Amino acid sequence: MVAGVATAVLAGCVIGRVVPDRDRGPREGVALTVLSANMLIGRADPEAIVRRVRDEDVGVLALQEFTAAGQAALAKAGLGRLLPYSSIAPQRPQDPYGTTGSALYSRFPLTGAGFRLNYGGFQQAYGTVSVPGAKPVTVESVHPAAPHKLDVLGDWRRDLKDQPGPGRILAGDFNATLDHKELRDVLGRGYRDAAATVGKGWVPSWGPYADRPIPPITIDHVLVDRTIGIGRFAAYDLPGSDHRMVLAAVVLPAGQAGSIQMLR
């Protein structure tokens, strides 16, 4: 009986991640597709990323573990022709692994481009995207420290706590699932998780890792301000990376005169 009660309580806590939310935010506004990918120290297949950008009509691309070699490979694959605007946080000189860089690429003009240095050492590129017909929105490529050992748990908690408040789109490798209070606290500031909102909150984005018996888990997310609608979420394999790409089709609040598109 105790086991049954415990199972029921646990199911009640997580069932919302696989049941689409009736409230997906505004349904009218301007459509924007956001894609995020962890490049695994720049080794991810650039053709796969560029092909996904092209096929999905991606407007903004957030990248983590972004290196100079990865940047060159993406340029050679033609990313600049599709997303000509960018905000780059280069790999830090003291980074021996190639995990600290990030980037944001956009089809639309970017203003206020820059990056923040997390306490745990990773950098987060950001910029304000001006989509025609929509209010400008700031997008950030998120990458807090990975809690892979006890002595970095403090860095990981602080990095998640320091994530910016609402009014943005946060896309990236959060190194956290919705089971972590630290990520739920970020959501509590006024964000929606795109995957959970459409009933795909259990779709894994990372793992298995190398030869370690780690089950696939959901640590890559697209979080959107509650003034932004969510229409679709998907995850795609990325050759050369231990992460999957995650995609969210969102609807931005209308701003200056422009076309209005219904969320589907």
C-alpha atoms as a PDB file:
ATOM      1  CA  MET A   1       0.000   0.000   0.000  1.00  0.00           C
ATOM      2  CA  VAL A   2       2.803   2.412   0.898  1.00  0.00           C
ATOM      3  CA  ALA A   3       4.505   1.655  -2.402  1.00  0.00           C
ATOM      4  CA  GLY A   4       1.267   2.292  -4.256  1.00  0.00           C
ATOM      5  CA  VAL A   5       0.726   5.631  -2.560  1.00  0.00           C
ATOM      6  CA  ALA A   6       4.311   6.636  -3.259  1.00  0.00           C
ATOM      7  CA  THR A   7       3.939   5.697  -6.914  1.00  0.00           C
ATOM      8  CA  ALA A   8       0.717   7.682  -7.205  1.00  0.00           C
ATOM      9  CA  VAL A   9       2.300  10.754  -5.625  1.00  0.00           C
ATOM     10  CA  LEU A  10       5.317  10.534  -7.936  1.00  0.00           C
ATOM     11  CA  ALA A  11       3.103  10.099 -10.979  1.00  0.00           C
ATOM     12  CA  GLY A  12       1.096  13.150  -9.955  1.00  0.00           C
ATOM     13  CA  CYS A  13       4.279  15.206  -9.742  1.00  0.00           C
ATOM     14  CA  VAL A  14       5.503  14.381 -13.256  1.00  0.00           C
ATOM     15  CA  ILE A  15       2.404  13.552 -15.306  1.00  0.00           C
ATOM     16  CA  GLY A  16       2.101  17.177 -16.363  1.00  0.00           C
ATOM     17  CA  ARG A  17       5.224  16.826 -18.487  1.00  0.00           C
ATOM     18  CA  VAL A  18       3.502  14.438 -20.891  1.00  0.00           C
ATOM     19  CA  VAL A  19       0.065  16.070 -20.931  1.00  0.00           C
ATOM     20  CA  PRO A  20      -0.155  19.191 -23.102  1.00  0.00           C
ATOM     21  CA  ASP A  21      -0.893  22.330 -21.115  1.00  0.00           C
ATOM     22  CA  ARG A  22      -4.135  24.059 -22.019  1.00  0.00           C
ATOM     23  CA  ASP A  23      -2.394  27.372 -21.492  1.00  0.00           C
ATOM     24  CA  ARG A  24       0.382  27.646 -24.060  1.00  0.00           C
ATOM     25  CA  GLY A  25       0.426  31.412 -23.898  1.00  0.00           C
ATOM     26  CA  PRO A  26      -0.751  33.845 -26.580  1.00  0.00           C
ATOM     27  CA  ARG A  27      -1.895  32.248 -29.834  1.00  0.00           C
ATOM     28  CA  GLU A  28      -1.649  35.367 -31.962  1.00  0.00           C
ATOM     29  CA  GLY A  29       1.549  37.197 -32.748  1.00  0.00           C
ATOM     30  CA  VAL A  30       4.657  36.721 -34.851  1.00  0.00           C
ATOM     31  CA  ALA A  31       6.130  33.251 -35.377  1.00  0.00           C
ATOM     32  CA  LEU A  32       9.761  32.491 -34.496  1.00  0.00           C
ATOM     33  CA  THR A  33      11.541  29.139 -34.450  1.00  0.00           C
ATOM     34  CA  VAL A  34      14.394  28.717 -31.954  1.00  0.00           C
ATOM     35  CA  LEU A  35      16.957  25.899 -32.126  1.00  0.00           C
ATOM     36  CA  SER A  36      19.605  25.034 -29.521  1.00  0.00           C
ATOM     37  CA  ALA A  37      22.554  22.649 -29.774  1.00  0.00           C
ATOM     38  CA  ASN A  38      25.485  21.682 -27.580  1.00  0.00           C
ATOM     39  CA  MET A  39      28.356  21.129 -30.045  1.00  0.00           C
ATOM     40  CA  LEU A  40      30.478  18.911 -27.733  1.00  0.00           C
ATOM     41  CA  ILE A  41      33.634  21.066 -27.832  1.00  0.00           C
ATOM     42  CA  GLY A  42      32.953  22.031 -31.432  1.00  0.00           C
ATOM     43  CA  ARG A  43      32.827  18.456 -32.747  1.00  0.00           C
ATOM     44  CA  ALA A  44      29.154  18.347 -33.752  1.00  0.00           C
ATOM     45  CA  ASP A  45      28.389  17.852 -37.434  1.00  0.00           C
ATOM     46  CA  PRO A  46      28.043  21.382 -38.870  1.00  0.00           C
ATOM     47  CA  GLU A  47      26.112  20.136 -41.910  1.00  0.00           C
ATOM     48  CA  ALA A  48      23.480  18.590 -39.625  1.00  0.00           C
ATOM     49  CA  ILE A  49      23.019  21.878 -37.776  1.00  0.00           C
ATOM     50  CA  VAL A  50      22.816  23.975 -40.941  1.00  0.00           C
ATOM     51  CA  ARG A  51      20.444  21.488 -42.571  1.00  0.00           C
ATOM     52  CA  ARG A  52      18.141  21.643 -39.551  1.00  0.00           C
ATOM     53  CA  VAL A  53      18.242  25.456 -39.591  1.00  0.00           C
ATOM     54  CA  ARG A  54      17.265  25.422 -43.259  1.00  0.00           C
ATOM     55  CA  ASP A  55      14.615  22.701 -43.077  1.00  0.00           C
ATOM     56  CA  GLU A  56      12.897  24.089 -39.985  1.00  0.00           C
ATOM     57  CA  ASP A  57      13.088  27.745 -41.043  1.00  0.00           C
ATOM     58  CA  VAL A  58      14.982  28.535 -37.822  1.00  0.00           C
ATOM     59  CA  GLY A  59      15.192  32.223 -36.943  1.00  0.00           C
ATOM     60  CA  VAL A  60      17.515  32.001 -33.919  1.00  0.00           C
ATOM     61  CA  LEU A  61      20.182  29.406 -33.133  1.00  0.00           C
ATOM     62  CA  ALA A  62      21.786  29.037 -29.686  1.00  0.00           C
ATOM     63  CA  LEU A  63      25.012  27.037 -29.404  1.00  0.00           C
ATOM     64  CA  GLN A  64      27.036  25.783 -26.438  1.00  0.00           C
ATOM     65  CA  GLU A  65      30.554  24.308 -26.246  1.00  0.00           C
ATOM     66  CA  PHE A  66      31.283  26.575 -29.195  1.00  0.00           C
ATOM     67  CA  THR A  67      34.897  26.692 -30.386  1.00  0.00           C
ATOM     68  CA  ALA A  68      36.851  28.506 -33.093  1.00  0.00           C
ATOM     69  CA  ALA A  69      37.042  25.265 -35.070  1.00  0.00           C
ATOM     70  CA  GLY A  70      33.301  24.784 -34.727  1.00  0.00           C
ATOM     71  CA  GLN A  71      32.684  28.357 -35.824  1.00  0.00           C
ATOM     72  CA  ALA A  72      34.821  27.870 -38.932  1.00  0.00           C
ATOM     73  CA  ALA A  73      33.071  24.599 -39.776  1.00  0.00           C
ATOM     74  CA  LEU A  74      29.629  26.205 -39.476  1.00  0.00           C
ATOM     75  CA  ALA A  75      30.729  29.087 -41.687  1.00  0.00           C
ATOM     76  CA  LYS A  76      32.014  26.647 -44.304  1.00  0.00           C
ATOM     77  CA  ALA A  77      28.683  24.776 -44.159  1.00  0.00           C
ATOM     78  CA  GLY A  78      26.860  28.004 -45.022  1.00  0.00           C
ATOM     79  CA  LEU A  79      25.351  29.070 -41.703  1.00  0.00           C
ATOM     80  CA  GLY A  80      26.095  32.740 -42.370  1.00  0.00           C
ATOM     81  CA  ARG A  81      23.910  32.755 -45.465  1.00  0.00           C
ATOM     82  CA  LEU A  82      20.925  31.646 -43.394  1.00  0.00           C
ATOM     83  CA  LEU A  83      21.649  33.442 -40.105  1.00  0.00           C
ATOM     84  CA  PRO A  84      23.869  36.453 -40.868  1.00  0.00           C
ATOM     85  CA  TYR A  85      23.753  38.124 -37.435  1.00  0.00           C
ATOM     86  CA  SER A  86      25.604  36.774 -34.423  1.00  0.00           C
ATOM     87  CA  SER A  87      26.715  37.267 -30.831  1.00  0.00           C
ATOM     88  CA  ILE A  88      29.846  35.272 -30.026  1.00  0.00           C
ATOM     89  CA  ALA A  89      31.272  34.305 -26.629  1.00  0.00           C
ATOM     90  CA  PRO A  90      34.640  32.790 -27.591  1.00  0.00           C
ATOM     91  CA  GLN A  91      36.265  29.897 -25.809  1.00  0.00           C
ATOM     92  CA  ARG A  92      38.171  31.227 -22.798  1.00  0.00           C
ATOM     93  CA  PRO A  93      41.995  31.163 -23.140  1.00  0.00           C
ATOM     94  CA  GLN A  94      42.371  29.172 -19.916  1.00  0.00           C
ATOM     95  CA  ASP A  95      39.829  26.549 -21.044  1.00  0.00           C
ATOM     96  CA  PRO A  96      41.714  23.289 -21.738  1.00  0.00           C
ATOM     97  CA  TYR A  97      38.645  21.378 -22.927  1.00  0.00           C
ATOM     98  CA  GLY A  98      36.721  23.703 -25.249  1.00  0.00           C
ATOM     99  CA  THR A  99      33.497  23.814 -23.243  1.00  0.00           C
ATOM    100  CA  THR A 100      33.315  27.495 -22.247  1.00  0.00           C
ATOM    101  CA  GLY A 101      32.307  29.197 -25.505  1.00  0.00           C
ATOM    102  CA  SER A 102      28.782  29.858 -26.761  1.00  0.00           C
ATOM    103  CA  ALA A 103      27.079  31.687 -29.580  1.00  0.00           C
ATOM    104  CA  LEU A 104      23.816  33.091 -30.815  1.00  0.00           C
ATOM    105  CA  TYR A 105      23.018  33.310 -34.543  1.00  0.00           C
ATOM    106  CA  SER A 106      20.003  35.109 -35.952  1.00  0.00           C
ATOM    107  CA  ARG A 107      18.236  35.686 -39.245  1.00  0.00           C
ATOM    108  CA  PHE A 108      17.143  39.047 -37.875  1.00  0.00           C
ATOM    109  CA  PRO A 109      19.180  42.031 -36.670  1.00  0.00           C
ATOM    110  CA  LEU A 110      20.716  41.715 -33.194  1.00  0.00           C
ATOM    111  CA  THR A 111      21.291  44.593 -30.816  1.00  0.00           C
ATOM    112  CA  GLY A 112      22.888  44.663 -27.388  1.00  0.00           C
ATOM    113  CA  ALA A 113      25.025  41.640 -28.255  1.00  0.00           C
ATOM    114  CA  GLY A 114      27.257  40.419 -25.438  1.00  0.00           C
ATOM    115  CA  PHE A 115      27.912  37.551 -23.072  1.00  0.00           C
ATOM    116  CA  ARG A 116      27.996  36.789 -19.369  1.00  0.00           C
ATOM    117  CA  LEU A 117      30.620  34.723 -17.588  1.00  0.00           C
ATOM    118  CA  ASN A 118      29.000  32.238 -15.237  1.00  0.00           C
ATOM    119  CA  TYR A 119      30.519  31.578 -11.827  1.00  0.00           C
ATOM    120  CA  GLY A 120      31.199  28.001 -12.934  1.00  0.00           C
ATOM    121  CA  GLY A 121      33.298  29.196 -15.885  1.00  0.00           C
ATOM    122  CA  PHE A 122      30.989  28.789 -18.899  1.00  0.00           C
ATOM    123  CA  GLN A 123      29.917  31.801 -20.960  1.00  0.00           C
ATOM    124  CA  GLN A 124      26.447  32.672 -22.228  1.00  0.00           C
ATOM    125  CA  ALA A 125      26.063  34.701 -25.423  1.00  0.00           C
ATOM    126  CA  TYR A 126      22.971  36.880 -25.722  1.00  0.00           C
ATOM    127  CA  GLY A 127      21.406  39.515 -27.922  1.00  0.00           C
ATOM    128  CA  THR A 128      18.099  41.248 -28.577  1.00  0.00           C
ATOM    129  CA  VAL A 129      16.391  39.988 -31.718  1.00  0.00           C
ATOM    130  CA  SER A 130      14.205  42.313 -33.790  1.00  0.00           C
ATOM    131  CA  VAL A 131      11.729  40.188 -35.732  1.00  0.00           C
ATOM    132  CA  PRO A 132       9.589  42.276 -38.133  1.00  0.00           C
ATOM    133  CA  GLY A 133       6.160  42.888 -36.644  1.00  0.00           C
ATOM    134  CA  ALA A 134       7.136  41.735 -33.153  1.00  0.00           C
ATOM    135  CA  LYS A 135       8.344  43.358 -29.990  1.00  0.00           C
ATOM    136  CA  PRO A 136      12.129  42.869 -29.652  1.00  0.00           C
ATOM    137  CA  VAL A 137      13.063  39.883 -27.497  1.00  0.00           C
ATOM    138  CA  THR A 138      16.372  39.016 -25.839  1.00  0.00           C
ATOM    139  CA  VAL A 139      17.579  35.464 -26.397  1.00  0.00           C
ATOM    140  CA  GLU A 140      20.364  33.848 -24.369  1.00  0.00           C
ATOM    141  CA  SER A 141      22.415  30.700 -24.976  1.00  0.00           C
ATOM    142  CA  VAL A 142      22.342  29.046 -21.550  1.00  0.00           C
ATOM    143  CA  HIS A 143      25.090  26.839 -20.111  1.00  0.00           C
ATOM    144  CA  PRO A 144      25.494  26.620 -16.319  1.00  0.00           C
ATOM    145  CA  ALA A 145      28.203  24.477 -14.769  1.00  0.00           C
ATOM    146  CA  ALA A 146      27.732  20.712 -14.982  1.00  0.00           C
ATOM    147  CA  PRO A 147      27.151  19.072 -11.556  1.00  0.00           C
ATOM    148  CA  HIS A 148      29.438  16.148 -12.352  1.00  0.00           C
ATOM    149  CA  LYS A 149      31.116  16.037  -8.938  1.00  0.00           C
ATOM    150  CA  LEU A 150      30.375  17.226  -5.420  1.00  0.00           C
ATOM    151  CA  ASP A 151      32.805  20.135  -5.348  1.00  0.00           C
ATOM    152  CA  VAL A 152      31.092  21.877  -8.303  1.00  0.00           C
ATOM    153  CA  LEU A 153      27.528  21.599  -7.001  1.00  0.00           C
ATOM    154  CA  GLY A 154      27.810  25.075  -5.520  1.00  0.00           C
ATOM    155  CA  ASP A 155      28.865  26.516  -8.888  1.00  0.00           C
ATOM    156  CA  TRP A 156      25.975  24.756 -10.618  1.00  0.00           C
ATOM    157  CA  ARG A 157      23.414  26.023  -8.107  1.00  0.00           C
ATOM    158  CA  ARG A 158      24.747  29.571  -8.313  1.00  0.00           C
ATOM    159  CA  ASP A 159      24.771  29.550 -12.126  1.00  0.00           C
ATOM    160  CA  LEU A 160      21.124  28.497 -12.242  1.00  0.00           C
ATOM    161  CA  LYS A 161      20.185  31.010  -9.577  1.00  0.00           C
ATOM    162  CA  ASP A 162      21.916  33.755 -11.589  1.00  0.00           C
ATOM    163  CA  GLN A 163      19.972  33.075 -14.787  1.00  0.00           C
ATOM    164  CA  PRO A 164      18.198  36.249 -15.911  1.00  0.00           C
ATOM    165  CA  GLY A 165      14.601  36.925 -15.037  1.00  0.00           C
ATOM    166  CA  PRO A 166      11.614  36.914 -17.395  1.00  0.00           C
ATOM    167  CA  GLY A 167      11.270  38.933 -20.568  1.00  0.00           C
ATOM    168  CA  ARG A 168      13.658  36.615 -22.446  1.00  0.00           C
ATOM    169  CA  ILE A 169      13.988  33.323 -24.220  1.00  0.00           C
ATOM    170  CA  LEU A 170      16.554  31.072 -22.525  1.00  0.00           C
ATOM    171  CA  ALA A 171      17.730  28.214 -24.747  1.00  0.00           C
ATOM    172  CA  GLY A 172      20.530  25.777 -24.125  1.00  0.00           C
ATOM    173  CA  ASP A 173      22.137  23.082 -22.030  1.00  0.00           C
ATOM    174  CA  PHE A 174      20.855  23.768 -18.517  1.00  0.00           C
ATOM    175  CA  ASN A 175      22.584  20.707 -17.043  1.00  0.00           C
ATOM    176  CA  ALA A 176      19.352  20.202 -15.086  1.00  0.00           C
ATOM    177  CA  THR A 177      16.052  18.403 -15.465  1.00  0.00           C
ATOM    178  CA  LEU A 178      12.660  19.541 -14.262  1.00  0.00           C
ATOM    179  CA  ASP A 179      13.213  17.276 -11.272  1.00  0.00           C
ATOM    180  CA  HIS A 180      15.790  19.753  -9.984  1.00  0.00           C
ATOM    181  CA  LYS A 181      14.417  22.460  -7.720  1.00  0.00           C
ATOM    182  CA  GLU A 182      17.027  24.862  -9.086  1.00  0.00           C
ATOM    183  CA  LEU A 183      15.522  24.693 -12.575  1.00  0.00           C
ATOM    184  CA  ARG A 184      11.976  24.859 -11.258  1.00  0.00           C
ATOM    185  CA  ASP A 185      12.991  28.035  -9.425  1.00  0.00           C
ATOM    186  CA  VAL A 186      14.060  29.553 -12.773  1.00  0.00           C
ATOM    187  CA  LEU A 187      10.666  28.625 -14.224  1.00  0.00           C
ATOM    188  CA  GLY A 188       8.988  30.163 -11.198  1.00  0.00           C
ATOM    189  CA  ARG A 189      10.297  33.590 -12.149  1.00  0.00           C
ATOM    190  CA  GLY A 190       7.879  33.721 -15.085  1.00  0.00           C
ATOM    191  CA  TYR A 191       8.992  31.191 -17.708  1.00  0.00           C
ATOM    192  CA  ARG A 192       7.429  28.204 -19.450  1.00  0.00           C
ATOM    193  CA  ASP A 193       9.370  25.100 -20.480  1.00  0.00           C
ATOM    194  CA  ALA A 194       8.497  24.585 -24.148  1.00  0.00           C
ATOM    195  CA  ALA A 195       8.748  20.778 -24.054  1.00  0.00           C
ATOM    196  CA  ALA A 196       6.643  20.283 -20.945  1.00  0.00           C
ATOM    197  CA  THR A 197       4.064  22.797 -22.147  1.00  0.00           C
ATOM    198  CA  VAL A 198       3.299  20.739 -25.257  1.00  0.00           C
ATOM    199  CA  GLY A 199       3.463  17.393 -23.433  1.00  0.00           C
ATOM    200  CA  LYS A 200       7.001  16.393 -24.438  1.00  0.00           C
ATOM    201  CA  GLY A 201       8.712  17.021 -21.125  1.00  0.00           C
ATOM    202  CA  TRP A 202      10.166  13.507 -21.010  1.00  0.00           C
ATOM    203  CA  VAL A 203      11.822  13.648 -24.434  1.00  0.00           C
ATOM    204  CA  PRO A 204      15.529  13.031 -23.646  1.00  0.00           C
ATOM    205  CA  SER A 205      18.242  15.345 -24.915  1.00  0.00           C
ATOM    206  CA  TRP A 206      21.471  13.934 -23.431  1.00  0.00           C
ATOM    207  CA  GLY A 207      23.044  10.522 -23.036  1.00  0.00           C
ATOM    208  CA  PRO A 208      23.955   7.805 -22.874  1.00  0.00           C
ATOM    209  CA  TYR A 209      27.415   9.235 -22.270  1.00  0.00           C
ATOM    210  CA  ALA A 210      30.470   7.292 -23.519  1.00  0.00           C
ATOM    211  CA  ASP A 211      30.515   3.860 -21.857  1.00  0.00           C
ATOM    212  CA  ARG A 212      28.947   5.003 -18.603  1.00  0.00           C
ATOM    213  CA  PRO A 213      25.571   3.488 -17.597  1.00  0.00           C
ATOM    214  CA  ILE A 214      23.758   6.838 -17.560  1.00  0.00           C
ATOM    215  CA  PRO A 215      20.206   6.739 -18.969  1.00  0.00           C
ATOM    216  CA  PRO A 216      19.132   9.435 -21.444  1.00  0.00           C
ATOM    217  CA  ILE A 217      17.832  12.487 -19.595  1.00  0.00           C
ATOM    218  CA  THR A 218      16.292  15.863 -20.413  1.00  0.00           C
ATOM    219  CA  ILE A 219      18.757  18.651 -19.654  1.00  0.00           C
ATOM    220  CA  ASP A 220      18.454  20.819 -22.790  1.00  0.00           C
ATOM    221  CA  HIS A 221      15.543  23.232 -22.683  1.00  0.00           C
ATOM    222  CA  VAL A 222      13.911  26.231 -24.293  1.00  0.00           C
ATOM    223  CA  LEU A 223      12.317  28.461 -21.665  1.00  0.00           C
ATOM    224  CA  VAL A 224      10.132  31.348 -22.785  1.00  0.00           C
ATOM    225  CA  ASP A 225       8.632  34.302 -21.007  1.00  0.00           C
ATOM    226  CA  ARG A 226       4.936  33.815 -20.259  1.00  0.00           C
ATOM    227  CA  THR A 227       4.019  36.622 -22.657  1.00  0.00           C
ATOM    228  CA  ILE A 228       5.286  34.362 -25.472  1.00  0.00           C
ATOM    229  CA  GLY A 229       3.209  31.526 -26.912  1.00  0.00           C
ATOM    230  CA  ILE A 230       4.466  27.982 -27.566  1.00  0.00           C
ATOM    231  CA  GLY A 231       3.299  26.027 -30.580  1.00  0.00           C
ATOM    232  CA  ARG A 232       5.655  23.088 -31.079  1.00  0.00           C
ATOM    233  CA  PHE A 233       8.682  21.347 -29.593  1.00  0.00           C
ATOM    234  CA  ALA A 234      10.982  18.705 -31.076  1.00  0.00           C
ATOM    235  CA  ALA A 235      14.363  17.110 -30.404  1.00  0.00           C
ATOM    236  CA  TYR A 236      16.724  15.855 -33.118  1.00  0.00           C
ATOM    237  CA  ASP A 237      19.853  13.713 -33.081  1.00  0.00           C
ATOM    238  CA  LEU A 238      23.104  15.575 -33.671  1.00  0.00           C
ATOM    239  CA  PRO A 239      25.998  13.469 -35.021  1.00  0.00           C
ATOM    240  CA  GLY A 240      29.270  14.215 -33.263  1.00  0.00           C
ATOM    241  CA  SER A 241      27.599  15.433 -30.069  1.00  0.00           C
ATOM    242  CA  ASP A 242      26.343  13.682 -26.948  1.00  0.00           C
ATOM    243  CA  HIS A 243      23.362  16.065 -26.941  1.00  0.00           C
ATOM    244  CA  ARG A 244      20.343  16.309 -29.200  1.00  0.00           C
ATOM    245  CA  MET A 245      19.243  19.559 -30.765  1.00  0.00           C
ATOM    246  CA  VAL A 246      16.066  21.000 -29.237  1.00  0.00           C
ATOM    247  CA  LEU A 247      13.645  23.172 -31.185  1.00  0.00           C
ATOM    248  CA  ALA A 248      10.721  25.336 -30.115  1.00  0.00           C
ATOM    249  CA  ALA A 249       8.297  27.169 -32.375  1.00  0.00           C
ATOM    250  CA  VAL A 250       7.076  30.205 -30.450  1.00  0.00           C
ATOM    251  CA  VAL A 251       4.819  33.201 -31.027  1.00  0.00           C
ATOM    252  CA  LEU A 252       6.136  36.607 -30.040  1.00  0.00           C
ATOM    253  CA  PRO A 253       3.866  39.486 -28.975  1.00  0.00           C
ATOM    254  CA  ALA A 254       3.127  41.792 -31.879  1.00  0.00           C
ATOM    255  CA  GLY A 255       4.905  45.131 -31.896  1.00  0.00           C
ATOM    256  CA  GLN A 256       5.265  47.503 -34.808  1.00  0.00           C
ATOM    257  CA  ALA A 257       3.085  46.951 -37.843  1.00  0.00           C
ATOM    258  CA  GLY A 258       3.598  43.519 -39.355  1.00  0.00           C
ATOM    259  CA  SER A 259       1.972  40.231 -40.183  1.00  0.00           C
ATOM    260  CA  ILE A 260       0.080  38.394 -37.478  1.00  0.00           C
ATOM    261  CA  GLN A 261       0.325  34.607 -37.455  1.00  0.00           C
ATOM    262  CA  MET A 262      -1.790  32.167 -35.476  1.00  0.00           C
ATOM    263  CA  LEU A 263      -0.103  29.610 -33.235  1.00  0.00           C
ATOM    264  CA  ARG A 264      -0.861  26.098 -34.459  1.00  0.00           C
END
